[in-house]
Amino acid sequence: MARDPRPLRYLLDEDVHPEVAVIASGLGLDIVSVYAIGRRGLSDFDQLRFAAEDTRILVTQNRDDYITLTVEAFRAGDPHHGLLILPHTLPDNRPSEIMRAIDSWDRRWRDTDHPGAYFIDFAG
């Protein structure tokens, strides 16, 4: 199977500092925050659905809710483009550390295929 040449794209959930997306742009990563695109306050279901439709991996610290939603999406055959969970040991007030964790994870996948629909992985 040929490698997907498109870079990975990410959507930061509300619980991830929006400054992470600003730092990401300087590194050439395609990361947007729900704050920057006017999606703050929407349900977790709506955020995950939007990420899938926009071919973005959702990045969050809200592990339990999004794992449940991912299982439900899989069972229903709903669109899903992946879930990257940040540990709570990466405090939200340290966007540079969060960005390093995402960048490290991204480098692992950069030269391979996308990890696949319905995947759940942990960064950092």
PDB file of N, CA and C in Angstrom:
ATOM      1  N   MET A   1       0.845  -1.183   0.000  1.00  0.00           N
ATOM      2  CA  MET A   1       0.000   0.000   0.000  1.00  0.00           C
ATOM      3  C   MET A   1       0.888   1.243   0.000  1.00  0.00           C
ATOM      4  N   ALA A   2       0.581   2.194  -0.852  1.00  0.00           N
ATOM      5  CA  ALA A   2       1.385   3.415  -0.965  1.00  0.00           C
ATOM      6  C   ALA A   2       1.146   4.331   0.228  1.00  0.00           C
ATOM      7  N   ARG A   3       2.189   5.047   0.580  1.00  0.00           N
ATOM      8  CA  ARG A   3       2.096   5.995   1.681  1.00  0.00           C
ATOM      9  C   ARG A   3       1.186   7.151   1.303  1.00  0.00           C
ATOM     10  N   ASP A   4       0.360   7.580   2.228  1.00  0.00           N
ATOM     11  CA  ASP A   4      -0.498   8.747   2.028  1.00  0.00           C
ATOM     12  C   ASP A   4       0.393   9.981   2.108  1.00  0.00           C
ATOM     13  N   PRO A   5       0.525  10.761   1.037  1.00  0.00           N
ATOM     14  CA  PRO A   5       1.459  11.888   1.040  1.00  0.00           C
ATOM     15  C   PRO A   5       0.971  13.103   1.829  1.00  0.00           C
ATOM     16  N   ARG A   6      -0.270  13.095   2.234  1.00  0.00           N
ATOM     17  CA  ARG A   6      -0.793  14.244   2.970  1.00  0.00           C
ATOM     18  C   ARG A   6      -0.261  14.249   4.396  1.00  0.00           C
ATOM     19  N   PRO A   7       0.130  15.424   4.888  1.00  0.00           N
ATOM     20  CA  PRO A   7       0.574  15.488   6.282  1.00  0.00           C
ATOM     21  C   PRO A   7      -0.616  15.272   7.223  1.00  0.00           C
ATOM     22  N   LEU A   8      -0.314  14.833   8.409  1.00  0.00           N
ATOM     23  CA  LEU A   8      -1.356  14.672   9.418  1.00  0.00           C
ATOM     24  C   LEU A   8      -1.881  16.039   9.817  1.00  0.00           C
ATOM     25  N   ARG A   9      -3.173  16.086  10.105  1.00  0.00           N
ATOM     26  CA  ARG A   9      -3.834  17.334  10.510  1.00  0.00           C
ATOM     27  C   ARG A   9      -4.504  17.086  11.851  1.00  0.00           C
ATOM     28  N   TYR A  10      -4.554  18.130  12.673  1.00  0.00           N
ATOM     29  CA  TYR A  10      -5.030  17.984  14.039  1.00  0.00           C
ATOM     30  C   TYR A  10      -6.046  19.063  14.398  1.00  0.00           C
ATOM     31  N   LEU A  11      -6.960  18.698  15.302  1.00  0.00           N
ATOM     32  CA  LEU A  11      -7.897  19.640  15.904  1.00  0.00           C
ATOM     33  C   LEU A  11      -7.700  19.570  17.408  1.00  0.00           C
ATOM     34  N   LEU A  12      -7.405  20.707  18.026  1.00  0.00           N
ATOM     35  CA  LEU A  12      -7.236  20.772  19.478  1.00  0.00           C
ATOM     36  C   LEU A  12      -8.585  20.990  20.140  1.00  0.00           C
ATOM     37  N   ASP A  13      -8.903  20.133  21.076  1.00  0.00           N
ATOM     38  CA  ASP A  13     -10.128  20.255  21.852  1.00  0.00           C
ATOM     39  C   ASP A  13     -10.016  21.458  22.794  1.00  0.00           C
ATOM     40  N   GLU A  14     -11.126  21.813  23.413  1.00  0.00           N
ATOM     41  CA  GLU A  14     -11.158  22.970  24.323  1.00  0.00           C
ATOM     42  C   GLU A  14     -10.204  22.854  25.499  1.00  0.00           C
ATOM     43  N   ASP A  15      -9.887  21.647  25.902  1.00  0.00           N
ATOM     44  CA  ASP A  15      -9.033  21.475  27.075  1.00  0.00           C
ATOM     45  C   ASP A  15      -7.537  21.541  26.751  1.00  0.00           C
ATOM     46  N   VAL A  16      -7.213  21.882  25.510  1.00  0.00           N
ATOM     47  CA  VAL A  16      -5.817  22.043  25.097  1.00  0.00           C
ATOM     48  C   VAL A  16      -5.586  23.528  24.801  1.00  0.00           C
ATOM     49  N   HIS A  17      -4.578  24.075  25.415  1.00  0.00           N
ATOM     50  CA  HIS A  17      -4.294  25.512  25.294  1.00  0.00           C
ATOM     51  C   HIS A  17      -4.199  25.918  23.820  1.00  0.00           C
ATOM     52  N   PRO A  18      -4.932  26.956  23.400  1.00  0.00           N
ATOM     53  CA  PRO A  18      -4.917  27.366  21.987  1.00  0.00           C
ATOM     54  C   PRO A  18      -3.548  27.840  21.507  1.00  0.00           C
ATOM     55  N   GLU A  19      -2.668  28.202  22.410  1.00  0.00           N
ATOM     56  CA  GLU A  19      -1.315  28.619  22.020  1.00  0.00           C
ATOM     57  C   GLU A  19      -0.549  27.477  21.342  1.00  0.00           C
ATOM     58  N   VAL A  20      -0.948  26.236  21.609  1.00  0.00           N
ATOM     59  CA  VAL A  20      -0.306  25.091  20.965  1.00  0.00           C
ATOM     60  C   VAL A  20      -0.423  25.213  19.448  1.00  0.00           C
ATOM     61  N   ALA A  21      -1.575  25.640  18.961  1.00  0.00           N
ATOM     62  CA  ALA A  21      -1.767  25.794  17.514  1.00  0.00           C
ATOM     63  C   ALA A  21      -0.882  26.894  16.950  1.00  0.00           C
ATOM     64  N   VAL A  22      -0.671  27.944  17.703  1.00  0.00           N
ATOM     65  CA  VAL A  22       0.198  29.039  17.262  1.00  0.00           C
ATOM     66  C   VAL A  22       1.636  28.537  17.151  1.00  0.00           C
ATOM     67  N   ILE A  23       2.091  27.807  18.148  1.00  0.00           N
ATOM     68  CA  ILE A  23       3.441  27.248  18.121  1.00  0.00           C
ATOM     69  C   ILE A  23       3.579  26.265  16.954  1.00  0.00           C
ATOM     70  N   ALA A  24       2.546  25.476  16.726  1.00  0.00           N
ATOM     71  CA  ALA A  24       2.567  24.466  15.662  1.00  0.00           C
ATOM     72  C   ALA A  24       2.779  25.085  14.288  1.00  0.00           C
ATOM     73  N   SER A  25       2.160  26.237  14.056  1.00  0.00           N
ATOM     74  CA  SER A  25       2.294  26.858  12.735  1.00  0.00           C
ATOM     75  C   SER A  25       3.745  27.200  12.440  1.00  0.00           C
ATOM     76  N   GLY A  26       4.507  27.553  13.471  1.00  0.00           N
ATOM     77  CA  GLY A  26       5.927  27.830  13.288  1.00  0.00           C
ATOM     78  C   GLY A  26       6.736  26.588  12.979  1.00  0.00           C
ATOM     79  N   LEU A  27       6.196  25.427  13.307  1.00  0.00           N
ATOM     80  CA  LEU A  27       6.872  24.156  13.034  1.00  0.00           C
ATOM     81  C   LEU A  27       6.381  23.508  11.747  1.00  0.00           C
ATOM     82  N   GLY A  28       5.419  24.151  11.103  1.00  0.00           N
ATOM     83  CA  GLY A  28       4.894  23.610   9.856  1.00  0.00           C
ATOM     84  C   GLY A  28       3.848  22.523  10.041  1.00  0.00           C
ATOM     85  N   LEU A  29       3.295  22.395  11.241  1.00  0.00           N
ATOM     86  CA  LEU A  29       2.256  21.402  11.483  1.00  0.00           C
ATOM     87  C   LEU A  29       0.880  22.032  11.288  1.00  0.00           C
ATOM     88  N   ASP A  30      -0.044  21.244  10.803  1.00  0.00           N
ATOM     89  CA  ASP A  30      -1.407  21.702  10.553  1.00  0.00           C
ATOM     90  C   ASP A  30      -2.261  21.388  11.777  1.00  0.00           C
ATOM     91  N   ILE A  31      -2.263  22.323  12.714  1.00  0.00           N
ATOM     92  CA  ILE A  31      -3.020  22.169  13.948  1.00  0.00           C
ATOM     93  C   ILE A  31      -3.889  23.401  14.134  1.00  0.00           C
ATOM     94  N   VAL A  32      -5.189  23.171  14.323  1.00  0.00           N
ATOM     95  CA  VAL A  32      -6.102  24.273  14.616  1.00  0.00           C
ATOM     96  C   VAL A  32      -6.777  24.012  15.956  1.00  0.00           C
ATOM     97  N   SER A  33      -7.121  25.074  16.607  1.00  0.00           N
ATOM     98  CA  SER A  33      -7.800  24.996  17.892  1.00  0.00           C
ATOM     99  C   SER A  33      -9.279  25.292  17.711  1.00  0.00           C
ATOM    100  N   VAL A  34     -10.113  24.640  18.500  1.00  0.00           N
ATOM    101  CA  VAL A  34     -11.537  24.933  18.440  1.00  0.00           C
ATOM    102  C   VAL A  34     -11.792  26.398  18.770  1.00  0.00           C
ATOM    103  N   TYR A  35     -10.912  27.015  19.544  1.00  0.00           N
ATOM    104  CA  TYR A  35     -11.050  28.439  19.873  1.00  0.00           C
ATOM    105  C   TYR A  35     -10.911  29.296  18.619  1.00  0.00           C
ATOM    106  N   ALA A  36      -9.940  28.972  17.780  1.00  0.00           N
ATOM    107  CA  ALA A  36      -9.643  29.797  16.603  1.00  0.00           C
ATOM    108  C   ALA A  36     -10.695  29.674  15.512  1.00  0.00           C
ATOM    109  N   ILE A  37     -11.426  28.569  15.495  1.00  0.00           N
ATOM    110  CA  ILE A  37     -12.394  28.369  14.417  1.00  0.00           C
ATOM    111  C   ILE A  37     -13.842  28.462  14.901  1.00  0.00           C
ATOM    112  N   GLY A  38     -14.024  29.038  16.085  1.00  0.00           N
ATOM    113  CA  GLY A  38     -15.370  29.309  16.576  1.00  0.00           C
ATOM    114  C   GLY A  38     -16.173  28.085  16.980  1.00  0.00           C
ATOM    115  N   ARG A  39     -15.512  27.041  17.466  1.00  0.00           N
ATOM    116  CA  ARG A  39     -16.211  25.821  17.853  1.00  0.00           C
ATOM    117  C   ARG A  39     -16.208  25.596  19.366  1.00  0.00           C
ATOM    118  N   ARG A  40     -15.820  26.584  20.111  1.00  0.00           N
ATOM    119  CA  ARG A  40     -15.789  26.466  21.566  1.00  0.00           C
ATOM    120  C   ARG A  40     -17.214  26.274  22.094  1.00  0.00           C
ATOM    121  N   GLY A  41     -17.366  25.376  23.056  1.00  0.00           N
ATOM    122  CA  GLY A  41     -18.667  25.166  23.689  1.00  0.00           C
ATOM    123  C   GLY A  41     -19.519  24.103  23.039  1.00  0.00           C
ATOM    124  N   LEU A  42     -19.078  23.539  21.924  1.00  0.00           N
ATOM    125  CA  LEU A  42     -19.856  22.475  21.284  1.00  0.00           C
ATOM    126  C   LEU A  42     -19.614  21.153  22.005  1.00  0.00           C
ATOM    127  N   SER A  43     -20.504  20.212  21.809  1.00  0.00           N
ATOM    128  CA  SER A  43     -20.391  18.923  22.500  1.00  0.00           C
ATOM    129  C   SER A  43     -19.173  18.144  22.008  1.00  0.00           C
ATOM    130  N   ASP A  44     -18.734  17.209  22.836  1.00  0.00           N
ATOM    131  CA  ASP A  44     -17.621  16.338  22.439  1.00  0.00           C
ATOM    132  C   ASP A  44     -17.979  15.574  21.165  1.00  0.00           C
ATOM    133  N   PHE A  45     -19.217  15.102  21.070  1.00  0.00           N
ATOM    134  CA  PHE A  45     -19.668  14.400  19.868  1.00  0.00           C
ATOM    135  C   PHE A  45     -19.498  15.282  18.640  1.00  0.00           C
ATOM    136  N   ASP A  46     -19.935  16.542  18.740  1.00  0.00           N
ATOM    137  CA  ASP A  46     -19.831  17.463  17.604  1.00  0.00           C
ATOM    138  C   ASP A  46     -18.373  17.746  17.242  1.00  0.00           C
ATOM    139  N   GLN A  47     -17.510  17.858  18.241  1.00  0.00           N
ATOM    140  CA  GLN A  47     -16.094  18.116  17.962  1.00  0.00           C
ATOM    141  C   GLN A  47     -15.461  16.920  17.256  1.00  0.00           C
ATOM    142  N   LEU A  48     -15.765  15.721  17.722  1.00  0.00           N
ATOM    143  CA  LEU A  48     -15.194  14.524  17.107  1.00  0.00           C
ATOM    144  C   LEU A  48     -15.710  14.339  15.687  1.00  0.00           C
ATOM    145  N   ARG A  49     -16.974  14.600  15.488  1.00  0.00           N
ATOM    146  CA  ARG A  49     -17.559  14.486  14.134  1.00  0.00           C
ATOM    147  C   ARG A  49     -16.923  15.515  13.197  1.00  0.00           C
ATOM    148  N   PHE A  50     -16.777  16.751  13.658  1.00  0.00           N
ATOM    149  CA  PHE A  50     -16.145  17.782  12.835  1.00  0.00           C
ATOM    150  C   PHE A  50     -14.714  17.389  12.478  1.00  0.00           C
ATOM    151  N   ALA A  51     -13.962  16.904  13.462  1.00  0.00           N
ATOM    152  CA  ALA A  51     -12.577  16.497  13.200  1.00  0.00           C
ATOM    153  C   ALA A  51     -12.542  15.428  12.114  1.00  0.00           C
ATOM    154  N   ALA A  52     -13.425  14.459  12.192  1.00  0.00           N
ATOM    155  CA  ALA A  52     -13.462  13.391  11.191  1.00  0.00           C
ATOM    156  C   ALA A  52     -13.800  13.938   9.812  1.00  0.00           C
ATOM    157  N   GLU A  53     -14.798  14.788   9.741  1.00  0.00           N
ATOM    158  CA  GLU A  53     -15.216  15.335   8.450  1.00  0.00           C
ATOM    159  C   GLU A  53     -14.148  16.230   7.829  1.00  0.00           C
ATOM    160  N   ASP A  54     -13.309  16.830   8.675  1.00  0.00           N
ATOM    161  CA  ASP A  54     -12.234  17.706   8.193  1.00  0.00           C
ATOM    162  C   ASP A  54     -10.895  16.955   8.135  1.00  0.00           C
ATOM    163  N   THR A  55     -10.940  15.638   8.206  1.00  0.00           N
ATOM    164  CA  THR A  55      -9.771  14.758   8.202  1.00  0.00           C
ATOM    165  C   THR A  55      -8.695  15.214   9.187  1.00  0.00           C
ATOM    166  N   ARG A  56      -9.131  15.453  10.409  1.00  0.00           N
ATOM    167  CA  ARG A  56      -8.226  15.863  11.483  1.00  0.00           C
ATOM    168  C   ARG A  56      -8.281  14.863  12.628  1.00  0.00           C
ATOM    169  N   ILE A  57      -7.136  14.657  13.231  1.00  0.00           N
ATOM    170  CA  ILE A  57      -7.031  13.854  14.443  1.00  0.00           C
ATOM    171  C   ILE A  57      -7.403  14.767  15.603  1.00  0.00           C
ATOM    172  N   LEU A  58      -8.318  14.326  16.439  1.00  0.00           N
ATOM    173  CA  LEU A  58      -8.712  15.147  17.582  1.00  0.00           C
ATOM    174  C   LEU A  58      -7.695  14.951  18.710  1.00  0.00           C
ATOM    175  N   VAL A  59      -7.212  16.064  19.271  1.00  0.00           N
ATOM    176  CA  VAL A  59      -6.236  16.043  20.356  1.00  0.00           C
ATOM    177  C   VAL A  59      -6.919  16.569  21.613  1.00  0.00           C
ATOM    178  N   THR A  60      -6.857  15.793  22.690  1.00  0.00           N
ATOM    179  CA  THR A  60      -7.584  16.145  23.905  1.00  0.00           C
ATOM    180  C   THR A  60      -6.916  15.551  25.138  1.00  0.00           C
ATOM    181  N   GLN A  61      -7.302  16.052  26.296  1.00  0.00           N
ATOM    182  CA  GLN A  61      -6.953  15.406  27.561  1.00  0.00           C
ATOM    183  C   GLN A  61      -8.180  14.710  28.149  1.00  0.00           C
ATOM    184  N   ASN A  62      -9.292  14.836  27.481  1.00  0.00           N
ATOM    185  CA  ASN A  62     -10.568  14.275  27.930  1.00  0.00           C
ATOM    186  C   ASN A  62     -10.660  12.807  27.498  1.00  0.00           C
ATOM    187  N   ARG A  63      -9.841  12.001  28.096  1.00  0.00           N
ATOM    188  CA  ARG A  63      -9.675  10.608  27.708  1.00  0.00           C
ATOM    189  C   ARG A  63     -10.972   9.812  27.741  1.00  0.00           C
ATOM    190  N   ASP A  64     -11.619   9.774  28.875  1.00  0.00           N
ATOM    191  CA  ASP A  64     -12.749   8.864  29.056  1.00  0.00           C
ATOM    192  C   ASP A  64     -13.906   9.142  28.102  1.00  0.00           C
ATOM    193  N   ASP A  65     -14.306  10.401  28.001  1.00  0.00           N
ATOM    194  CA  ASP A  65     -15.442  10.739  27.136  1.00  0.00           C
ATOM    195  C   ASP A  65     -15.139  10.425  25.670  1.00  0.00           C
ATOM    196  N   TYR A  66     -13.936  10.763  25.224  1.00  0.00           N
ATOM    197  CA  TYR A  66     -13.620  10.544  23.807  1.00  0.00           C
ATOM    198  C   TYR A  66     -13.355   9.084  23.472  1.00  0.00           C
ATOM    199  N   ILE A  67     -12.876   8.305  24.425  1.00  0.00           N
ATOM    200  CA  ILE A  67     -12.760   6.864  24.165  1.00  0.00           C
ATOM    201  C   ILE A  67     -14.149   6.268  23.989  1.00  0.00           C
ATOM    202  N   THR A  68     -15.072   6.660  24.855  1.00  0.00           N
ATOM    203  CA  THR A  68     -16.456   6.187  24.728  1.00  0.00           C
ATOM    204  C   THR A  68     -17.041   6.587  23.383  1.00  0.00           C
ATOM    205  N   LEU A  69     -16.835   7.843  22.977  1.00  0.00           N
ATOM    206  CA  LEU A  69     -17.368   8.310  21.691  1.00  0.00           C
ATOM    207  C   LEU A  69     -16.717   7.596  20.509  1.00  0.00           C
ATOM    208  N   THR A  70     -15.452   7.265  20.632  1.00  0.00           N
ATOM    209  CA  THR A  70     -14.763   6.544  19.557  1.00  0.00           C
ATOM    210  C   THR A  70     -15.345   5.135  19.401  1.00  0.00           C
ATOM    211  N   VAL A  71     -15.595   4.469  20.511  1.00  0.00           N
ATOM    212  CA  VAL A  71     -16.208   3.140  20.458  1.00  0.00           C
ATOM    213  C   VAL A  71     -17.603   3.235  19.846  1.00  0.00           C
ATOM    214  N   GLU A  72     -18.366   4.237  20.241  1.00  0.00           N
ATOM    215  CA  GLU A  72     -19.709   4.423  19.682  1.00  0.00           C
ATOM    216  C   GLU A  72     -19.640   4.716  18.179  1.00  0.00           C
ATOM    217  N   ALA A  73     -18.685   5.540  17.762  1.00  0.00           N
ATOM    218  CA  ALA A  73     -18.528   5.848  16.333  1.00  0.00           C
ATOM    219  C   ALA A  73     -18.187   4.589  15.548  1.00  0.00           C
ATOM    220  N   PHE A  74     -17.302   3.778  16.098  1.00  0.00           N
ATOM    221  CA  PHE A  74     -16.932   2.530  15.444  1.00  0.00           C
ATOM    222  C   PHE A  74     -18.148   1.621  15.280  1.00  0.00           C
ATOM    223  N   ARG A  75     -18.892   1.451  16.354  1.00  0.00           N
ATOM    224  CA  ARG A  75     -20.072   0.570  16.310  1.00  0.00           C
ATOM    225  C   ARG A  75     -21.118   1.056  15.314  1.00  0.00           C
ATOM    226  N   ALA A  76     -21.263   2.385  15.210  1.00  0.00           N
ATOM    227  CA  ALA A  76     -22.265   2.963  14.314  1.00  0.00           C
ATOM    228  C   ALA A  76     -21.740   3.136  12.884  1.00  0.00           C
ATOM    229  N   GLY A  77     -20.433   2.950  12.706  1.00  0.00           N
ATOM    230  CA  GLY A  77     -19.860   3.176  11.380  1.00  0.00           C
ATOM    231  C   GLY A  77     -19.773   4.649  11.036  1.00  0.00           C
ATOM    232  N   ASP A  78     -19.781   5.504  12.054  1.00  0.00           N
ATOM    233  CA  ASP A  78     -19.682   6.944  11.830  1.00  0.00           C
ATOM    234  C   ASP A  78     -18.243   7.317  11.476  1.00  0.00           C
ATOM    235  N   PRO A  79     -18.070   8.443  10.798  1.00  0.00           N
ATOM    236  CA  PRO A  79     -16.715   8.868  10.442  1.00  0.00           C
ATOM    237  C   PRO A  79     -15.856   9.106  11.681  1.00  0.00           C
ATOM    238  N   HIS A  80     -14.581   8.806  11.540  1.00  0.00           N
ATOM    239  CA  HIS A  80     -13.640   8.987  12.647  1.00  0.00           C
ATOM    240  C   HIS A  80     -12.244   9.027  12.036  1.00  0.00           C
ATOM    241  N   HIS A  81     -11.449  10.014  12.425  1.00  0.00           N
ATOM    242  CA  HIS A  81     -10.115  10.146  11.835  1.00  0.00           C
ATOM    243  C   HIS A  81      -9.008   9.953  12.872  1.00  0.00           C
ATOM    244  N   GLY A  82      -9.363   9.606  14.084  1.00  0.00           N
ATOM    245  CA  GLY A  82      -8.365   9.304  15.096  1.00  0.00           C
ATOM    246  C   GLY A  82      -8.438  10.211  16.304  1.00  0.00           C
ATOM    247  N   LEU A  83      -7.853   9.703  17.377  1.00  0.00           N
ATOM    248  CA  LEU A  83      -7.890  10.394  18.658  1.00  0.00           C
ATOM    249  C   LEU A  83      -6.502  10.311  19.286  1.00  0.00           C
ATOM    250  N   LEU A  84      -5.947  11.461  19.611  1.00  0.00           N
ATOM    251  CA  LEU A  84      -4.659  11.536  20.283  1.00  0.00           C
ATOM    252  C   LEU A  84      -4.898  12.132  21.662  1.00  0.00           C
ATOM    253  N   ILE A  85      -4.582  11.354  22.686  1.00  0.00           N
ATOM    254  CA  ILE A  85      -4.858  11.768  24.059  1.00  0.00           C
ATOM    255  C   ILE A  85      -3.577  12.254  24.710  1.00  0.00           C
ATOM    256  N   LEU A  86      -3.676  13.431  25.306  1.00  0.00           N
ATOM    257  CA  LEU A  86      -2.553  14.004  26.047  1.00  0.00           C
ATOM    258  C   LEU A  86      -2.710  13.648  27.516  1.00  0.00           C
ATOM    259  N   PRO A  87      -1.640  13.215  28.159  1.00  0.00           N
ATOM    260  CA  PRO A  87      -1.751  12.877  29.583  1.00  0.00           C
ATOM    261  C   PRO A  87      -1.892  14.133  30.432  1.00  0.00           C
ATOM    262  N   HIS A  88      -2.472  13.973  31.587  1.00  0.00           N
ATOM    263  CA  HIS A  88      -2.629  15.099  32.510  1.00  0.00           C
ATOM    264  C   HIS A  88      -1.298  15.540  33.112  1.00  0.00           C
ATOM    265  N   THR A  89      -0.256  14.763  32.895  1.00  0.00           N
ATOM    266  CA  THR A  89       1.077  15.191  33.337  1.00  0.00           C
ATOM    267  C   THR A  89       1.622  16.309  32.464  1.00  0.00           C
ATOM    268  N   LEU A  90       0.967  16.566  31.339  1.00  0.00           N
ATOM    269  CA  LEU A  90       1.297  17.725  30.497  1.00  0.00           C
ATOM    270  C   LEU A  90       0.309  18.829  30.844  1.00  0.00           C
ATOM    271  N   PRO A  91       0.657  19.714  31.769  1.00  0.00           N
ATOM    272  CA  PRO A  91      -0.297  20.734  32.197  1.00  0.00           C
ATOM    273  C   PRO A  91      -0.644  21.710  31.072  1.00  0.00           C
ATOM    274  N   ASP A  92      -1.906  22.114  31.070  1.00  0.00           N
ATOM    275  CA  ASP A  92      -2.403  22.996  30.013  1.00  0.00           C
ATOM    276  C   ASP A  92      -1.694  24.349  29.978  1.00  0.00           C
ATOM    277  N   ASN A  93      -1.088  24.754  31.074  1.00  0.00           N
ATOM    278  CA  ASN A  93      -0.424  26.062  31.098  1.00  0.00           C
ATOM    279  C   ASN A  93       1.009  25.998  30.561  1.00  0.00           C
ATOM    280  N   ARG A  94       1.358  24.885  29.929  1.00  0.00           N
ATOM    281  CA  ARG A  94       2.680  24.721  29.311  1.00  0.00           C
ATOM    282  C   ARG A  94       2.524  24.300  27.855  1.00  0.00           C
ATOM    283  N   PRO A  95       2.044  25.218  27.006  1.00  0.00           N
ATOM    284  CA  PRO A  95       1.780  24.849  25.613  1.00  0.00           C
ATOM    285  C   PRO A  95       3.017  24.366  24.861  1.00  0.00           C
ATOM    286  N   SER A  96       4.196  24.847  25.209  1.00  0.00           N
ATOM    287  CA  SER A  96       5.414  24.386  24.524  1.00  0.00           C
ATOM    288  C   SER A  96       5.653  22.902  24.779  1.00  0.00           C
ATOM    289  N   GLU A  97       5.419  22.445  25.993  1.00  0.00           N
ATOM    290  CA  GLU A  97       5.593  21.029  26.314  1.00  0.00           C
ATOM    291  C   GLU A  97       4.555  20.172  25.598  1.00  0.00           C
ATOM    292  N   ILE A  98       3.344  20.676  25.542  1.00  0.00           N
ATOM    293  CA  ILE A  98       2.284  19.962  24.831  1.00  0.00           C
ATOM    294  C   ILE A  98       2.656  19.850  23.358  1.00  0.00           C
ATOM    295  N   MET A  99       3.150  20.955  22.792  1.00  0.00           N
ATOM    296  CA  MET A  99       3.521  20.944  21.383  1.00  0.00           C
ATOM    297  C   MET A  99       4.649  19.961  21.121  1.00  0.00           C
ATOM    298  N   ARG A 100       5.614  19.888  22.014  1.00  0.00           N
ATOM    299  CA  ARG A 100       6.715  18.922  21.835  1.00  0.00           C
ATOM    300  C   ARG A 100       6.180  17.493  21.824  1.00  0.00           C
ATOM    301  N   ALA A 101       5.217  17.199  22.679  1.00  0.00           N
ATOM    302  CA  ALA A 101       4.640  15.853  22.716  1.00  0.00           C
ATOM    303  C   ALA A 101       3.901  15.540  21.415  1.00  0.00           C
ATOM    304  N   ILE A 102       3.129  16.489  20.911  1.00  0.00           N
ATOM    305  CA  ILE A 102       2.412  16.274  19.650  1.00  0.00           C
ATOM    306  C   ILE A 102       3.406  16.134  18.502  1.00  0.00           C
ATOM    307  N   ASP A 103       4.415  16.994  18.472  1.00  0.00           N
ATOM    308  CA  ASP A 103       5.412  16.939  17.404  1.00  0.00           C
ATOM    309  C   ASP A 103       6.148  15.600  17.421  1.00  0.00           C
ATOM    310  N   SER A 104       6.492  15.122  18.587  1.00  0.00           N
ATOM    311  CA  SER A 104       7.169  13.829  18.702  1.00  0.00           C
ATOM    312  C   SER A 104       6.274  12.714  18.173  1.00  0.00           C
ATOM    313  N   TRP A 105       5.002  12.746  18.532  1.00  0.00           N
ATOM    314  CA  TRP A 105       4.053  11.747  18.045  1.00  0.00           C
ATOM    315  C   TRP A 105       3.923  11.854  16.525  1.00  0.00           C
ATOM    316  N   ASP A 106       3.817  13.084  16.029  1.00  0.00           N
ATOM    317  CA  ASP A 106       3.666  13.316  14.592  1.00  0.00           C
ATOM    318  C   ASP A 106       4.879  12.768  13.822  1.00  0.00           C
ATOM    319  N   ARG A 107       6.069  12.974  14.342  1.00  0.00           N
ATOM    320  CA  ARG A 107       7.283  12.479  13.678  1.00  0.00           C
ATOM    321  C   ARG A 107       7.266  10.963  13.539  1.00  0.00           C
ATOM    322  N   ARG A 108       6.685  10.306  14.522  1.00  0.00           N
ATOM    323  CA  ARG A 108       6.594   8.847  14.479  1.00  0.00           C
ATOM    324  C   ARG A 108       5.761   8.375  13.292  1.00  0.00           C
ATOM    325  N   TRP A 109       4.755   9.156  12.920  1.00  0.00           N
ATOM    326  CA  TRP A 109       3.846   8.769  11.848  1.00  0.00           C
ATOM    327  C   TRP A 109       4.101   9.487  10.535  1.00  0.00           C
ATOM    328  N   ARG A 110       4.923  10.518  10.542  1.00  0.00           N
ATOM    329  CA  ARG A 110       5.096  11.406   9.390  1.00  0.00           C
ATOM    330  C   ARG A 110       5.420  10.676   8.092  1.00  0.00           C
ATOM    331  N   ASP A 111       6.274   9.688   8.127  1.00  0.00           N
ATOM    332  CA  ASP A 111       6.703   9.006   6.906  1.00  0.00           C
ATOM    333  C   ASP A 111       6.016   7.666   6.698  1.00  0.00           C
ATOM    334  N   THR A 112       4.874   7.491   7.308  1.00  0.00           N
ATOM    335  CA  THR A 112       4.115   6.257   7.149  1.00  0.00           C
ATOM    336  C   THR A 112       2.678   6.623   6.815  1.00  0.00           C
ATOM    337  N   ASP A 113       1.866   5.626   6.681  1.00  0.00           N
ATOM    338  CA  ASP A 113       0.440   5.883   6.474  1.00  0.00           C
ATOM    339  C   ASP A 113      -0.166   6.458   7.743  1.00  0.00           C
ATOM    340  N   HIS A 114      -1.302   7.115   7.584  1.00  0.00           N
ATOM    341  CA  HIS A 114      -2.100   7.560   8.733  1.00  0.00           C
ATOM    342  C   HIS A 114      -2.386   6.324   9.579  1.00  0.00           C
ATOM    343  N   PRO A 115      -2.372   6.447  10.891  1.00  0.00           N
ATOM    344  CA  PRO A 115      -2.591   5.271  11.728  1.00  0.00           C
ATOM    345  C   PRO A 115      -3.953   4.599  11.550  1.00  0.00           C
ATOM    346  N   GLY A 116      -4.891   5.248  10.897  1.00  0.00           N
ATOM    347  CA  GLY A 116      -6.158   4.607  10.576  1.00  0.00           C
ATOM    348  C   GLY A 116      -7.352   5.161  11.334  1.00  0.00           C
ATOM    349  N   ALA A 117      -8.520   4.930  10.774  1.00  0.00           N
ATOM    350  CA  ALA A 117      -9.762   5.366  11.414  1.00  0.00           C
ATOM    351  C   ALA A 117      -9.928   4.649  12.745  1.00  0.00           C
ATOM    352  N   TYR A 118     -10.548   5.304  13.660  1.00  0.00           N
ATOM    353  CA  TYR A 118     -10.899   4.781  14.983  1.00  0.00           C
ATOM    354  C   TYR A 118      -9.681   4.505  15.867  1.00  0.00           C
ATOM    355  N   PHE A 119      -8.502   4.947  15.455  1.00  0.00           N
ATOM    356  CA  PHE A 119      -7.351   4.697  16.326  1.00  0.00           C
ATOM    357  C   PHE A 119      -7.417   5.619  17.543  1.00  0.00           C
ATOM    358  N   ILE A 120      -6.863   5.117  18.635  1.00  0.00           N
ATOM    359  CA  ILE A 120      -6.698   5.887  19.862  1.00  0.00           C
ATOM    360  C   ILE A 120      -5.253   5.706  20.281  1.00  0.00           C
ATOM    361  N   ASP A 121      -4.557   6.807  20.512  1.00  0.00           N
ATOM    362  CA  ASP A 121      -3.171   6.710  20.941  1.00  0.00           C
ATOM    363  C   ASP A 121      -2.913   7.796  21.979  1.00  0.00           C
ATOM    364  N   PHE A 122      -1.790   7.675  22.642  1.00  0.00           N
ATOM    365  CA  PHE A 122      -1.423   8.593  23.716  1.00  0.00           C
ATOM    366  C   PHE A 122      -0.121   9.280  23.351  1.00  0.00           C
ATOM    367  N   ALA A 123      -0.052  10.574  23.574  1.00  0.00           N
ATOM    368  CA  ALA A 123       1.168  11.347  23.313  1.00  0.00           C
ATOM    369  C   ALA A 123       1.857  11.662  24.625  1.00  0.00           C
ATOM    370  N   GLY A 124       3.143  11.871  24.534  1.00  0.00           N
ATOM    371  CA  GLY A 124       3.891  12.385  25.671  1.00  0.00           C
ATOM    372  C   GLY A 124       4.279  11.352  26.669  1.00  0.00           C
TER     373      GLY A 124
END
